[in-house]
Amino acid sequence: MKAAWDIVTFRVNRIDPDAPMPEPGDEMRTRTGRRYQILKISPRSVTCLVLPRDAEEQGKVWIWEWSKRSR
């Protein structure tokens, strides 16, 4: 698990072109309460900064849900 202020990159399976898109500066949250500030978005990945739980809210907040890994 990464610590607060570390940079992480998530692989993206699929982006729905008709869905609203987050922008750099927005925040992603998981159901467990983990928080990330979005730094960069590409078609196959999202690069984020891990935020501490007590950080101020960053831009628009998106709820992130993990899909099952397929290998």
Protein backbone atom coordinates (compact mmCIF):
# COMPACT_ATOMS: atom_id res chain seq x y z
CA MET A 1 0.00 0.00 0.00
CA LYS A 2 1.32 3.42 -0.90
CA ALA A 3 1.75 6.16 1.69
CA ALA A 4 0.25 9.65 1.58
CA TRP A 5 1.88 11.89 -1.05
CA ASP A 6 3.17 8.95 -3.13
CA ILE A 7 2.42 8.91 -6.85
CA VAL A 8 0.55 5.89 -8.22
CA THR A 9 -0.59 4.83 -11.69
CA PHE A 10 -3.75 2.81 -12.23
CA ARG A 11 -4.36 0.84 -15.41
CA VAL A 12 -7.75 1.43 -16.99
CA ASN A 13 -9.65 -1.41 -18.66
CA ARG A 14 -12.14 0.68 -20.56
CA ILE A 15 -13.27 4.30 -20.67
CA ASP A 16 -16.84 4.93 -21.74
CA PRO A 17 -16.64 7.77 -24.31
CA ASP A 18 -20.19 8.88 -23.43
CA ALA A 19 -19.57 9.07 -19.67
CA PRO A 20 -18.42 12.25 -17.95
CA MET A 21 -14.64 12.29 -17.51
CA PRO A 22 -12.60 13.36 -14.49
CA GLU A 23 -9.98 16.04 -15.01
CA PRO A 24 -6.56 16.63 -13.46
CA GLY A 25 -7.10 18.20 -10.05
CA ASP A 26 -10.25 16.17 -9.33
CA GLU A 27 -10.32 13.62 -6.54
CA MET A 28 -10.98 9.87 -6.69
CA ARG A 29 -12.24 7.99 -3.62
CA THR A 30 -12.59 4.28 -3.06
CA ARG A 31 -15.31 2.64 -0.97
CA THR A 32 -12.70 2.08 1.74
CA GLY A 33 -12.07 5.82 2.01
CA ARG A 34 -8.71 5.91 0.22
CA ARG A 35 -8.28 9.25 -1.57
CA TYR A 36 -6.31 10.22 -4.68
CA GLN A 37 -5.82 13.51 -6.53
CA ILE A 38 -5.81 12.96 -10.29
CA LEU A 39 -2.65 14.29 -11.92
CA LYS A 40 -2.88 12.89 -15.46
CA ILE A 41 -5.33 10.83 -17.51
CA SER A 42 -4.47 8.84 -20.61
CA PRO A 43 -6.55 6.31 -22.57
CA ARG A 44 -5.05 3.39 -20.63
CA SER A 45 -4.05 4.83 -17.24
CA VAL A 46 -4.73 7.38 -14.51
CA THR A 47 -1.78 8.88 -12.58
CA CYS A 48 -2.64 10.09 -9.08
CA LEU A 49 -1.21 11.49 -5.88
CA VAL A 50 -2.22 9.57 -2.74
CA LEU A 51 -3.95 11.98 -0.34
CA PRO A 52 -4.06 11.65 3.43
CA ARG A 53 -7.53 11.08 4.90
CA ASP A 54 -7.62 14.55 6.46
CA ALA A 55 -6.61 16.52 3.32
CA GLU A 56 -8.96 19.20 1.99
CA GLU A 57 -11.35 18.08 -0.74
CA GLN A 58 -9.79 18.38 -4.22
CA GLY A 59 -12.01 19.55 -7.11
CA LYS A 60 -14.88 17.31 -8.11
CA VAL A 61 -15.03 13.99 -6.24
CA TRP A 62 -15.38 10.73 -8.21
CA ILE A 63 -16.13 7.39 -6.57
CA TRP A 64 -13.76 4.74 -7.87
CA GLU A 65 -14.79 1.09 -8.09
CA TRP A 66 -12.36 -1.69 -8.84
CA SER A 67 -13.17 -4.34 -11.40
CA LYS A 68 -11.94 -7.90 -11.10
CA ARG A 69 -8.53 -8.61 -12.51
CA SER A 70 -8.48 -10.77 -15.61
CA ARG A 71 -5.24 -12.51 -16.33
